[in-house]
Amino acid sequence: MNNKTLKQINKLLKRGLSLDGIGVNNWAFSKESALNILDRFEELQVTILGGDVLELINGNIQHNYDNWYCNKLPDETDIEFARRSIIVAREYIKKYYINDVSKILFCFVLE
């Protein structure tokens, strides 16, 4: 991955809510924002190893311990893995039941 792509990825991630306050060097996104970022990650061929679901409880961000992951298959190329990892992430986020959209956030674990 070249330096320009890394800068684009960082710019996208920094649109999210910083998780520094809970000791995590990452950003979290609403369901809608997470799905939009996946579209851009797909264009950049970013591989997503998995992700976590967080909740806003009384104004505090907390892990709710829901997550997903995607492992590379033995005969899969890097590009195939990147594409499939986006599909796995998109399907997980789309299907994730949310009672109150203002309280659920998603963060990504990138390769």
C-alpha atoms as a PDB file:
ATOM      1  CA  MET A   1       0.000   0.000   0.000  1.00  0.00           C
ATOM      2  CA  ASN A   2       1.484   3.321  -1.000  1.00  0.00           C
ATOM      3  CA  ASN A   3       1.795   6.452   1.115  1.00  0.00           C
ATOM      4  CA  LYS A   4      -0.982   8.257  -0.766  1.00  0.00           C
ATOM      5  CA  THR A   5      -3.427   5.422  -0.052  1.00  0.00           C
ATOM      6  CA  LEU A   6      -2.456   5.385   3.634  1.00  0.00           C
ATOM      7  CA  LYS A   7      -3.141   9.116   3.854  1.00  0.00           C
ATOM      8  CA  GLN A   8      -6.556   8.619   2.237  1.00  0.00           C
ATOM      9  CA  ILE A   9      -7.384   5.834   4.703  1.00  0.00           C
ATOM     10  CA  ASN A  10      -6.325   7.953   7.685  1.00  0.00           C
ATOM     11  CA  LYS A  11      -8.375  10.882   6.394  1.00  0.00           C
ATOM     12  CA  LEU A  12     -11.440   8.623   6.157  1.00  0.00           C
ATOM     13  CA  LEU A  13     -10.929   7.141   9.612  1.00  0.00           C
ATOM     14  CA  LYS A  14     -10.495  10.526  11.255  1.00  0.00           C
ATOM     15  CA  ARG A  15     -14.059  11.413  10.225  1.00  0.00           C
ATOM     16  CA  GLY A  16     -15.189   9.045  12.949  1.00  0.00           C
ATOM     17  CA  LEU A  17     -15.467   9.383  16.689  1.00  0.00           C
ATOM     18  CA  SER A  18     -12.051   8.997  18.332  1.00  0.00           C
ATOM     19  CA  LEU A  19     -11.719   6.078  20.732  1.00  0.00           C
ATOM     20  CA  ASP A  20      -8.660   7.542  22.481  1.00  0.00           C
ATOM     21  CA  GLY A  21     -10.833   8.147  25.544  1.00  0.00           C
ATOM     22  CA  ILE A  22     -11.185   4.399  26.070  1.00  0.00           C
ATOM     23  CA  GLY A  23      -7.530   3.703  25.318  1.00  0.00           C
ATOM     24  CA  VAL A  24      -8.002   2.568  21.727  1.00  0.00           C
ATOM     25  CA  ASN A  25      -6.163   4.148  18.790  1.00  0.00           C
ATOM     26  CA  ASN A  26      -9.088   3.891  16.399  1.00  0.00           C
ATOM     27  CA  TRP A  27     -12.297   5.607  15.342  1.00  0.00           C
ATOM     28  CA  ALA A  28     -15.925   4.523  15.485  1.00  0.00           C
ATOM     29  CA  PHE A  29     -18.776   5.209  13.083  1.00  0.00           C
ATOM     30  CA  SER A  30     -22.538   5.122  12.968  1.00  0.00           C
ATOM     31  CA  LYS A  31     -24.047   2.350  10.866  1.00  0.00           C
ATOM     32  CA  GLU A  32     -24.652   4.695   7.927  1.00  0.00           C
ATOM     33  CA  SER A  33     -21.153   6.191   8.077  1.00  0.00           C
ATOM     34  CA  ALA A  34     -19.539   2.761   8.422  1.00  0.00           C
ATOM     35  CA  LEU A  35     -21.315   1.526   5.296  1.00  0.00           C
ATOM     36  CA  ASN A  36     -20.274   4.656   3.382  1.00  0.00           C
ATOM     37  CA  ILE A  37     -16.650   4.227   4.433  1.00  0.00           C
ATOM     38  CA  LEU A  38     -16.747   0.607   3.266  1.00  0.00           C
ATOM     39  CA  ASP A  39     -17.599   1.869  -0.227  1.00  0.00           C
ATOM     40  CA  ARG A  40     -14.463   3.998  -0.207  1.00  0.00           C
ATOM     41  CA  PHE A  41     -12.365   1.193   1.310  1.00  0.00           C
ATOM     42  CA  GLU A  42     -13.528  -1.017  -1.540  1.00  0.00           C
ATOM     43  CA  GLU A  43     -12.235   1.510  -4.091  1.00  0.00           C
ATOM     44  CA  LEU A  44      -8.895   1.675  -2.256  1.00  0.00           C
ATOM     45  CA  GLN A  45      -8.719  -2.152  -1.950  1.00  0.00           C
ATOM     46  CA  VAL A  46      -8.399  -1.983   1.825  1.00  0.00           C
ATOM     47  CA  THR A  47      -8.476  -5.313   3.665  1.00  0.00           C
ATOM     48  CA  ILE A  48     -10.615  -5.415   6.799  1.00  0.00           C
ATOM     49  CA  LEU A  49      -9.550  -8.109   9.241  1.00  0.00           C
ATOM     50  CA  GLY A  50     -12.646  -7.527  11.350  1.00  0.00           C
ATOM     51  CA  GLY A  51     -14.329  -5.016  13.560  1.00  0.00           C
ATOM     52  CA  ASP A  52     -15.968  -4.276  16.864  1.00  0.00           C
ATOM     53  CA  VAL A  53     -19.345  -2.968  17.909  1.00  0.00           C
ATOM     54  CA  LEU A  54     -19.488  -0.290  20.574  1.00  0.00           C
ATOM     55  CA  GLU A  55     -22.328   1.354  22.467  1.00  0.00           C
ATOM     56  CA  LEU A  56     -22.904   4.829  23.822  1.00  0.00           C
ATOM     57  CA  ILE A  57     -24.149   4.312  27.367  1.00  0.00           C
ATOM     58  CA  ASN A  58     -24.817   7.402  29.469  1.00  0.00           C
ATOM     59  CA  GLY A  59     -22.537   9.370  27.148  1.00  0.00           C
ATOM     60  CA  ASN A  60     -19.661   6.885  27.467  1.00  0.00           C
ATOM     61  CA  ILE A  61     -18.377   4.642  24.691  1.00  0.00           C
ATOM     62  CA  GLN A  62     -18.161   0.999  25.730  1.00  0.00           C
ATOM     63  CA  HIS A  63     -17.441  -2.266  23.963  1.00  0.00           C
ATOM     64  CA  ASN A  64     -20.495  -4.492  23.831  1.00  0.00           C
ATOM     65  CA  TYR A  65     -18.286  -7.454  22.821  1.00  0.00           C
ATOM     66  CA  ASP A  66     -20.006  -8.068  19.496  1.00  0.00           C
ATOM     67  CA  ASN A  67     -17.546  -8.325  16.629  1.00  0.00           C
ATOM     68  CA  TRP A  68     -16.742  -9.937  13.330  1.00  0.00           C
ATOM     69  CA  TYR A  69     -13.593 -11.174  11.634  1.00  0.00           C
ATOM     70  CA  CYS A  70     -12.410 -12.325   8.247  1.00  0.00           C
ATOM     71  CA  ASN A  71      -9.447 -14.648   7.692  1.00  0.00           C
ATOM     72  CA  LYS A  72      -7.632 -15.034   4.410  1.00  0.00           C
ATOM     73  CA  LEU A  73      -8.364 -18.313   2.643  1.00  0.00           C
ATOM     74  CA  PRO A  74      -5.393 -20.518   1.633  1.00  0.00           C
ATOM     75  CA  ASP A  75      -5.606 -19.951  -2.139  1.00  0.00           C
ATOM     76  CA  GLU A  76      -6.990 -16.423  -2.017  1.00  0.00           C
ATOM     77  CA  THR A  77      -5.019 -13.540  -3.538  1.00  0.00           C
ATOM     78  CA  ASP A  78      -4.581 -10.323  -1.572  1.00  0.00           C
ATOM     79  CA  ILE A  79      -7.038  -8.515  -3.853  1.00  0.00           C
ATOM     80  CA  GLU A  80      -9.622 -11.311  -3.526  1.00  0.00           C
ATOM     81  CA  PHE A  81      -9.213 -11.218   0.253  1.00  0.00           C
ATOM     82  CA  ALA A  82      -9.656  -7.433   0.320  1.00  0.00           C
ATOM     83  CA  ARG A  83     -12.856  -7.699  -1.732  1.00  0.00           C
ATOM     84  CA  ARG A  84     -14.270 -10.522   0.374  1.00  0.00           C
ATOM     85  CA  SER A  85     -13.364  -8.779   3.637  1.00  0.00           C
ATOM     86  CA  ILE A  86     -15.396  -5.741   2.532  1.00  0.00           C
ATOM     87  CA  ILE A  87     -18.354  -8.003   1.714  1.00  0.00           C
ATOM     88  CA  VAL A  88     -18.131  -9.706   5.128  1.00  0.00           C
ATOM     89  CA  ALA A  89     -17.952  -6.353   6.945  1.00  0.00           C
ATOM     90  CA  ARG A  90     -20.786  -4.842   4.905  1.00  0.00           C
ATOM     91  CA  GLU A  91     -23.081  -7.825   5.504  1.00  0.00           C
ATOM     92  CA  TYR A  92     -22.338  -7.876   9.241  1.00  0.00           C
ATOM     93  CA  ILE A  93     -23.048  -4.164   9.638  1.00  0.00           C
ATOM     94  CA  LYS A  94     -26.170  -4.232   7.444  1.00  0.00           C
ATOM     95  CA  LYS A  95     -27.649  -7.176   9.358  1.00  0.00           C
ATOM     96  CA  TYR A  96     -26.711  -5.906  12.822  1.00  0.00           C
ATOM     97  CA  TYR A  97     -29.939  -5.178  14.670  1.00  0.00           C
ATOM     98  CA  ILE A  98     -29.993  -1.704  16.166  1.00  0.00           C
ATOM     99  CA  ASN A  99     -32.797  -0.598  18.436  1.00  0.00           C
ATOM    100  CA  ASP A 100     -31.447   2.959  18.821  1.00  0.00           C
ATOM    101  CA  VAL A 101     -29.167   4.050  15.956  1.00  0.00           C
ATOM    102  CA  SER A 102     -27.704   6.866  18.042  1.00  0.00           C
ATOM    103  CA  LYS A 103     -26.203   4.380  20.503  1.00  0.00           C
ATOM    104  CA  ILE A 104     -24.404   1.831  18.292  1.00  0.00           C
ATOM    105  CA  LEU A 105     -21.009   2.396  16.672  1.00  0.00           C
ATOM    106  CA  PHE A 106     -18.721   0.255  14.540  1.00  0.00           C
ATOM    107  CA  CYS A 107     -14.940   0.318  14.292  1.00  0.00           C
ATOM    108  CA  PHE A 108     -12.700  -1.473  11.818  1.00  0.00           C
ATOM    109  CA  VAL A 109      -9.541  -3.526  12.248  1.00  0.00           C
ATOM    110  CA  LEU A 110      -7.515  -3.007   9.091  1.00  0.00           C
ATOM    111  CA  GLU A 111      -4.658  -5.065   7.715  1.00  0.00           C
END
